[in-house]
Amino acid sequence: MAGGGNFIHRVLTYVANELIVNGLANSPAFQRFAVRSSKRMEDLANIAAQKKKEIAEQVKDLSKNMESSFKDKGY
């Protein structure tokens, strides 16, 4: 009997998933949300890449400054 219940559960899950996926795929509001979300994530990734580059440059400059400071002091 447990096997039959599992089968029914799988069928109901499949049908529910199909209805949800089709409903979202045909929803203009959801499509707008998806496009906006995708664009925002892309923007955030670009901002993060730029910040990473800026920090790497700052660390490089700091390293050069420390190195020259040590040389000036005779270390």
PDB file of N, CA and C in Angstrom:
ATOM      1  N   MET A   1       0.820  -1.193   0.000  1.00  0.00           N
ATOM      2  CA  MET A   1       0.000   0.000   0.000  1.00  0.00           C
ATOM      3  C   MET A   1       0.862   1.254   0.000  1.00  0.00           C
ATOM      4  N   ALA A   2       2.014   1.214   0.641  1.00  0.00           N
ATOM      5  CA  ALA A   2       2.878   2.385   0.702  1.00  0.00           C
ATOM      6  C   ALA A   2       3.392   2.763  -0.681  1.00  0.00           C
ATOM      7  N   GLY A   3       3.634   1.765  -1.540  1.00  0.00           N
ATOM      8  CA  GLY A   3       4.110   2.044  -2.888  1.00  0.00           C
ATOM      9  C   GLY A   3       3.081   2.800  -3.697  1.00  0.00           C
ATOM     10  N   GLY A   4       1.807   2.496  -3.530  1.00  0.00           N
ATOM     11  CA  GLY A   4       0.749   3.197  -4.251  1.00  0.00           C
ATOM     12  C   GLY A   4       0.643   4.646  -3.811  1.00  0.00           C
ATOM     13  N   GLY A   5       0.799   4.900  -2.547  1.00  0.00           N
ATOM     14  CA  GLY A   5       0.755   6.256  -2.024  1.00  0.00           C
ATOM     15  C   GLY A   5       1.919   7.087  -2.550  1.00  0.00           C
ATOM     16  N   ASN A   6       3.071   6.445  -2.658  1.00  0.00           N
ATOM     17  CA  ASN A   6       4.246   7.128  -3.181  1.00  0.00           C
ATOM     18  C   ASN A   6       4.019   7.513  -4.644  1.00  0.00           C
ATOM     19  N   PHE A   7       3.420   6.616  -5.413  1.00  0.00           N
ATOM     20  CA  PHE A   7       3.143   6.888  -6.824  1.00  0.00           C
ATOM     21  C   PHE A   7       2.175   8.063  -6.965  1.00  0.00           C
ATOM     22  N   ILE A   8       1.125   8.054  -6.173  1.00  0.00           N
ATOM     23  CA  ILE A   8       0.135   9.140  -6.227  1.00  0.00           C
ATOM     24  C   ILE A   8       0.791  10.459  -5.838  1.00  0.00           C
ATOM     25  N   HIS A   9       1.623  10.415  -4.824  1.00  0.00           N
ATOM     26  CA  HIS A   9       2.338  11.620  -4.402  1.00  0.00           C
ATOM     27  C   HIS A   9       3.211  12.147  -5.538  1.00  0.00           C
ATOM     28  N   ARG A  10       3.911  11.265  -6.218  1.00  0.00           N
ATOM     29  CA  ARG A  10       4.774  11.680  -7.332  1.00  0.00           C
ATOM     30  C   ARG A  10       3.954  12.277  -8.469  1.00  0.00           C
ATOM     31  N   VAL A  11       2.807  11.690  -8.757  1.00  0.00           N
ATOM     32  CA  VAL A  11       1.949  12.217  -9.825  1.00  0.00           C
ATOM     33  C   VAL A  11       1.429  13.602  -9.437  1.00  0.00           C
ATOM     34  N   LEU A  12       0.953  13.751  -8.215  1.00  0.00           N
ATOM     35  CA  LEU A  12       0.451  15.044  -7.770  1.00  0.00           C
ATOM     36  C   LEU A  12       1.558  16.099  -7.769  1.00  0.00           C
ATOM     37  N   THR A  13       2.745  15.718  -7.352  1.00  0.00           N
ATOM     38  CA  THR A  13       3.875  16.646  -7.364  1.00  0.00           C
ATOM     39  C   THR A  13       4.203  17.071  -8.786  1.00  0.00           C
ATOM     40  N   TYR A  14       4.194  16.118  -9.709  1.00  0.00           N
ATOM     41  CA  TYR A  14       4.473  16.419 -11.117  1.00  0.00           C
ATOM     42  C   TYR A  14       3.430  17.387 -11.672  1.00  0.00           C
ATOM     43  N   VAL A  15       2.162  17.106 -11.412  1.00  0.00           N
ATOM     44  CA  VAL A  15       1.091  17.962 -11.928  1.00  0.00           C
ATOM     45  C   VAL A  15       1.202  19.369 -11.327  1.00  0.00           C
ATOM     46  N   ALA A  16       1.442  19.442 -10.034  1.00  0.00           N
ATOM     47  CA  ALA A  16       1.580  20.750  -9.382  1.00  0.00           C
ATOM     48  C   ALA A  16       2.762  21.520  -9.964  1.00  0.00           C
ATOM     49  N   ASN A  17       3.879  20.835 -10.158  1.00  0.00           N
ATOM     50  CA  ASN A  17       5.050  21.498 -10.735  1.00  0.00           C
ATOM     51  C   ASN A  17       4.764  21.996 -12.144  1.00  0.00           C
ATOM     52  N   GLU A  18       4.077  21.203 -12.940  1.00  0.00           N
ATOM     53  CA  GLU A  18       3.739  21.620 -14.301  1.00  0.00           C
ATOM     54  C   GLU A  18       2.841  22.859 -14.283  1.00  0.00           C
ATOM     55  N   LEU A  19       1.853  22.864 -13.397  1.00  0.00           N
ATOM     56  CA  LEU A  19       0.964  24.020 -13.307  1.00  0.00           C
ATOM     57  C   LEU A  19       1.718  25.266 -12.856  1.00  0.00           C
ATOM     58  N   ILE A  20       2.582  25.113 -11.884  1.00  0.00           N
ATOM     59  CA  ILE A  20       3.343  26.254 -11.373  1.00  0.00           C
ATOM     60  C   ILE A  20       4.295  26.778 -12.444  1.00  0.00           C
ATOM     61  N   VAL A  21       5.043  25.875 -13.084  1.00  0.00           N
ATOM     62  CA  VAL A  21       6.003  26.301 -14.109  1.00  0.00           C
ATOM     63  C   VAL A  21       5.282  26.984 -15.262  1.00  0.00           C
ATOM     64  N   ASN A  22       4.206  26.388 -15.743  1.00  0.00           N
ATOM     65  CA  ASN A  22       3.468  26.998 -16.846  1.00  0.00           C
ATOM     66  C   ASN A  22       2.846  28.326 -16.419  1.00  0.00           C
ATOM     67  N   GLY A  23       2.345  28.378 -15.217  1.00  0.00           N
ATOM     68  CA  GLY A  23       1.755  29.618 -14.722  1.00  0.00           C
ATOM     69  C   GLY A  23       2.784  30.744 -14.647  1.00  0.00           C
ATOM     70  N   LEU A  24       3.969  30.430 -14.146  1.00  0.00           N
ATOM     71  CA  LEU A  24       5.014  31.443 -14.054  1.00  0.00           C
ATOM     72  C   LEU A  24       5.558  31.815 -15.432  1.00  0.00           C
ATOM     73  N   ALA A  25       5.711  30.832 -16.297  1.00  0.00           N
ATOM     74  CA  ALA A  25       6.242  31.087 -17.633  1.00  0.00           C
ATOM     75  C   ALA A  25       5.318  32.002 -18.434  1.00  0.00           C
ATOM     76  N   ASN A  26       4.037  31.935 -18.179  1.00  0.00           N
ATOM     77  CA  ASN A  26       3.066  32.741 -18.928  1.00  0.00           C
ATOM     78  C   ASN A  26       2.632  34.001 -18.180  1.00  0.00           C
ATOM     79  N   SER A  27       3.299  34.294 -17.090  1.00  0.00           N
ATOM     80  CA  SER A  27       2.940  35.452 -16.280  1.00  0.00           C
ATOM     81  C   SER A  27       3.825  36.649 -16.632  1.00  0.00           C
ATOM     82  N   PRO A  28       3.256  37.705 -17.202  1.00  0.00           N
ATOM     83  CA  PRO A  28       4.065  38.895 -17.510  1.00  0.00           C
ATOM     84  C   PRO A  28       4.706  39.509 -16.260  1.00  0.00           C
ATOM     85  N   ALA A  29       4.003  39.477 -15.151  1.00  0.00           N
ATOM     86  CA  ALA A  29       4.551  40.040 -13.911  1.00  0.00           C
ATOM     87  C   ALA A  29       5.782  39.248 -13.471  1.00  0.00           C
ATOM     88  N   PHE A  30       5.700  37.933 -13.530  1.00  0.00           N
ATOM     89  CA  PHE A  30       6.850  37.117 -13.149  1.00  0.00           C
ATOM     90  C   PHE A  30       8.003  37.321 -14.121  1.00  0.00           C
ATOM     91  N   GLN A  31       7.699  37.456 -15.395  1.00  0.00           N
ATOM     92  CA  GLN A  31       8.755  37.680 -16.392  1.00  0.00           C
ATOM     93  C   GLN A  31       9.462  39.005 -16.138  1.00  0.00           C
ATOM     94  N   ARG A  32       8.708  40.050 -15.801  1.00  0.00           N
ATOM     95  CA  ARG A  32       9.324  41.342 -15.464  1.00  0.00           C
ATOM     96  C   ARG A  32      10.215  41.197 -14.234  1.00  0.00           C
ATOM     97  N   PHE A  33       9.696  40.485 -13.234  1.00  0.00           N
ATOM     98  CA  PHE A  33      10.474  40.251 -12.020  1.00  0.00           C
ATOM     99  C   PHE A  33      11.773  39.511 -12.346  1.00  0.00           C
ATOM    100  N   ALA A  34      11.686  38.485 -13.176  1.00  0.00           N
ATOM    101  CA  ALA A  34      12.867  37.698 -13.531  1.00  0.00           C
ATOM    102  C   ALA A  34      13.890  38.545 -14.279  1.00  0.00           C
ATOM    103  N   VAL A  35      13.424  39.379 -15.206  1.00  0.00           N
ATOM    104  CA  VAL A  35      14.332  40.230 -15.969  1.00  0.00           C
ATOM    105  C   VAL A  35      14.993  41.255 -15.048  1.00  0.00           C
ATOM    106  N   ARG A  36      14.207  41.883 -14.189  1.00  0.00           N
ATOM    107  CA  ARG A  36      14.770  42.873 -13.259  1.00  0.00           C
ATOM    108  C   ARG A  36      15.771  42.221 -12.306  1.00  0.00           C
ATOM    109  N   SER A  37      15.423  41.054 -11.812  1.00  0.00           N
ATOM    110  CA  SER A  37      16.318  40.348 -10.885  1.00  0.00           C
ATOM    111  C   SER A  37      17.624  39.975 -11.577  1.00  0.00           C
ATOM    112  N   SER A  38      17.521  39.487 -12.790  1.00  0.00           N
ATOM    113  CA  SER A  38      18.709  39.107 -13.544  1.00  0.00           C
ATOM    114  C   SER A  38      19.600  40.323 -13.804  1.00  0.00           C
ATOM    115  N   LYS A  39      18.992  41.423 -14.197  1.00  0.00           N
ATOM    116  CA  LYS A  39      19.737  42.651 -14.462  1.00  0.00           C
ATOM    117  C   LYS A  39      20.417  43.144 -13.184  1.00  0.00           C
ATOM    118  N   ARG A  40      19.702  43.105 -12.086  1.00  0.00           N
ATOM    119  CA  ARG A  40      20.266  43.578 -10.804  1.00  0.00           C
ATOM    120  C   ARG A  40      21.439  42.687 -10.383  1.00  0.00           C
ATOM    121  N   MET A  41      21.311  41.390 -10.554  1.00  0.00           N
ATOM    122  CA  MET A  41      22.404  40.485 -10.194  1.00  0.00           C
ATOM    123  C   MET A  41      23.624  40.739 -11.077  1.00  0.00           C
ATOM    124  N   GLU A  42      23.396  41.004 -12.342  1.00  0.00           N
ATOM    125  CA  GLU A  42      24.490  41.325 -13.256  1.00  0.00           C
ATOM    126  C   GLU A  42      25.178  42.626 -12.829  1.00  0.00           C
ATOM    127  N   ASP A  43      24.382  43.633 -12.482  1.00  0.00           N
ATOM    128  CA  ASP A  43      24.932  44.901 -12.010  1.00  0.00           C
ATOM    129  C   ASP A  43      25.756  44.702 -10.740  1.00  0.00           C
ATOM    130  N   LEU A  44      25.228  43.923  -9.805  1.00  0.00           N
ATOM    131  CA  LEU A  44      25.954  43.670  -8.553  1.00  0.00           C
ATOM    132  C   LEU A  44      27.264  42.926  -8.805  1.00  0.00           C
ATOM    133  N   ALA A  45      27.251  41.982  -9.745  1.00  0.00           N
ATOM    134  CA  ALA A  45      28.478  41.251 -10.076  1.00  0.00           C
ATOM    135  C   ALA A  45      29.514  42.200 -10.666  1.00  0.00           C
ATOM    136  N   ASN A  46      29.069  43.129 -11.518  1.00  0.00           N
ATOM    137  CA  ASN A  46      29.995  44.100 -12.102  1.00  0.00           C
ATOM    138  C   ASN A  46      30.556  45.039 -11.033  1.00  0.00           C
ATOM    139  N   ILE A  47      29.710  45.487 -10.127  1.00  0.00           N
ATOM    140  CA  ILE A  47      30.164  46.352  -9.032  1.00  0.00           C
ATOM    141  C   ILE A  47      31.177  45.609  -8.165  1.00  0.00           C
ATOM    142  N   ALA A  48      30.898  44.343  -7.851  1.00  0.00           N
ATOM    143  CA  ALA A  48      31.813  43.553  -7.024  1.00  0.00           C
ATOM    144  C   ALA A  48      33.155  43.368  -7.729  1.00  0.00           C
ATOM    145  N   ALA A  49      33.129  43.114  -9.033  1.00  0.00           N
ATOM    146  CA  ALA A  49      34.382  42.952  -9.782  1.00  0.00           C
ATOM    147  C   ALA A  49      35.188  44.249  -9.769  1.00  0.00           C
ATOM    148  N   GLN A  50      34.505  45.375  -9.925  1.00  0.00           N
ATOM    149  CA  GLN A  50      35.193  46.672  -9.907  1.00  0.00           C
ATOM    150  C   GLN A  50      35.800  46.943  -8.531  1.00  0.00           C
ATOM    151  N   LYS A  51      35.038  46.670  -7.478  1.00  0.00           N
ATOM    152  CA  LYS A  51      35.549  46.881  -6.113  1.00  0.00           C
ATOM    153  C   LYS A  51      36.741  45.972  -5.841  1.00  0.00           C
ATOM    154  N   LYS A  52      36.663  44.739  -6.314  1.00  0.00           N
ATOM    155  CA  LYS A  52      37.767  43.804  -6.129  1.00  0.00           C
ATOM    156  C   LYS A  52      39.031  44.346  -6.801  1.00  0.00           C
ATOM    157  N   LYS A  53      38.867  44.883  -8.003  1.00  0.00           N
ATOM    158  CA  LYS A  53      40.002  45.462  -8.733  1.00  0.00           C
ATOM    159  C   LYS A  53      40.560  46.664  -7.973  1.00  0.00           C
ATOM    160  N   GLU A  54      39.688  47.536  -7.472  1.00  0.00           N
ATOM    161  CA  GLU A  54      40.132  48.713  -6.724  1.00  0.00           C
ATOM    162  C   GLU A  54      40.892  48.318  -5.461  1.00  0.00           C
ATOM    163  N   ILE A  55      40.390  47.334  -4.756  1.00  0.00           N
ATOM    164  CA  ILE A  55      41.057  46.890  -3.520  1.00  0.00           C
ATOM    165  C   ILE A  55      42.408  46.277  -3.841  1.00  0.00           C
ATOM    166  N   ALA A  56      42.485  45.495  -4.919  1.00  0.00           N
ATOM    167  CA  ALA A  56      43.761  44.894  -5.314  1.00  0.00           C
ATOM    168  C   ALA A  56      44.780  45.985  -5.638  1.00  0.00           C
ATOM    169  N   GLU A  57      44.347  47.045  -6.302  1.00  0.00           N
ATOM    170  CA  GLU A  57      45.247  48.151  -6.620  1.00  0.00           C
ATOM    171  C   GLU A  57      45.692  48.876  -5.351  1.00  0.00           C
ATOM    172  N   GLN A  58      44.772  49.056  -4.412  1.00  0.00           N
ATOM    173  CA  GLN A  58      45.126  49.714  -3.152  1.00  0.00           C
ATOM    174  C   GLN A  58      46.133  48.884  -2.362  1.00  0.00           C
ATOM    175  N   VAL A  59      45.935  47.571  -2.344  1.00  0.00           N
ATOM    176  CA  VAL A  59      46.869  46.693  -1.632  1.00  0.00           C
ATOM    177  C   VAL A  59      48.236  46.739  -2.310  1.00  0.00           C
ATOM    178  N   LYS A  60      48.241  46.754  -3.618  1.00  0.00           N
ATOM    179  CA  LYS A  60      49.502  46.833  -4.364  1.00  0.00           C
ATOM    180  C   LYS A  60      50.229  48.139  -4.045  1.00  0.00           C
ATOM    181  N   ASP A  61      49.495  49.245  -4.057  1.00  0.00           N
ATOM    182  CA  ASP A  61      50.092  50.544  -3.727  1.00  0.00           C
ATOM    183  C   ASP A  61      50.606  50.564  -2.288  1.00  0.00           C
ATOM    184  N   LEU A  62      49.827  50.025  -1.368  1.00  0.00           N
ATOM    185  CA  LEU A  62      50.247  49.967   0.024  1.00  0.00           C
ATOM    186  C   LEU A  62      51.526  49.149   0.170  1.00  0.00           C
ATOM    187  N   SER A  63      51.587  48.043  -0.528  1.00  0.00           N
ATOM    188  CA  SER A  63      52.771  47.194  -0.483  1.00  0.00           C
ATOM    189  C   SER A  63      53.994  47.945  -0.997  1.00  0.00           C
ATOM    190  N   LYS A  64      53.828  48.671  -2.105  1.00  0.00           N
ATOM    191  CA  LYS A  64      54.937  49.462  -2.649  1.00  0.00           C
ATOM    192  C   LYS A  64      55.373  50.534  -1.658  1.00  0.00           C
ATOM    193  N   ASN A  65      54.407  51.212  -1.043  1.00  0.00           N
ATOM    194  CA  ASN A  65      54.726  52.255  -0.070  1.00  0.00           C
ATOM    195  C   ASN A  65      55.467  51.693   1.129  1.00  0.00           C
ATOM    196  N   MET A  66      55.036  50.538   1.603  1.00  0.00           N
ATOM    197  CA  MET A  66      55.701  49.923   2.754  1.00  0.00           C
ATOM    198  C   MET A  66      57.115  49.492   2.367  1.00  0.00           C
ATOM    199  N   GLU A  67      57.253  48.945   1.175  1.00  0.00           N
ATOM    200  CA  GLU A  67      58.562  48.492   0.715  1.00  0.00           C
ATOM    201  C   GLU A  67      59.537  49.672   0.617  1.00  0.00           C
ATOM    202  N   SER A  68      59.070  50.767   0.026  1.00  0.00           N
ATOM    203  CA  SER A  68      59.948  51.932  -0.094  1.00  0.00           C
ATOM    204  C   SER A  68      60.251  52.538   1.274  1.00  0.00           C
ATOM    205  N   SER A  69      59.302  52.483   2.184  1.00  0.00           N
ATOM    206  CA  SER A  69      59.513  52.991   3.535  1.00  0.00           C
ATOM    207  C   SER A  69      60.582  52.169   4.251  1.00  0.00           C
ATOM    208  N   PHE A  70      60.533  50.855   4.093  1.00  0.00           N
ATOM    209  CA  PHE A  70      61.539  49.994   4.715  1.00  0.00           C
ATOM    210  C   PHE A  70      62.907  50.239   4.109  1.00  0.00           C
ATOM    211  N   LYS A  71      62.958  50.456   2.795  1.00  0.00           N
ATOM    212  CA  LYS A  71      64.254  50.722   2.151  1.00  0.00           C
ATOM    213  C   LYS A  71      64.825  52.042   2.640  1.00  0.00           C
ATOM    214  N   ASP A  72      63.960  53.062   2.788  1.00  0.00           N
ATOM    215  CA  ASP A  72      64.408  54.374   3.267  1.00  0.00           C
ATOM    216  C   ASP A  72      64.989  54.282   4.679  1.00  0.00           C
ATOM    217  N   LYS A  73      64.452  53.388   5.485  1.00  0.00           N
ATOM    218  CA  LYS A  73      64.911  53.258   6.865  1.00  0.00           C
ATOM    219  C   LYS A  73      66.083  52.288   6.984  1.00  0.00           C
ATOM    220  N   GLY A  74      66.456  51.653   5.866  1.00  0.00           N
ATOM    221  CA  GLY A  74      67.608  50.768   5.881  1.00  0.00           C
ATOM    222  C   GLY A  74      67.324  49.342   6.285  1.00  0.00           C
ATOM    223  N   TYR A  75      66.086  48.906   6.201  1.00  0.00           N
ATOM    224  CA  TYR A  75      65.745  47.518   6.570  1.00  0.00           C
ATOM    225  C   TYR A  75      66.055  46.591   5.448  1.00  0.00           C
TER     226      TYR A  75
END
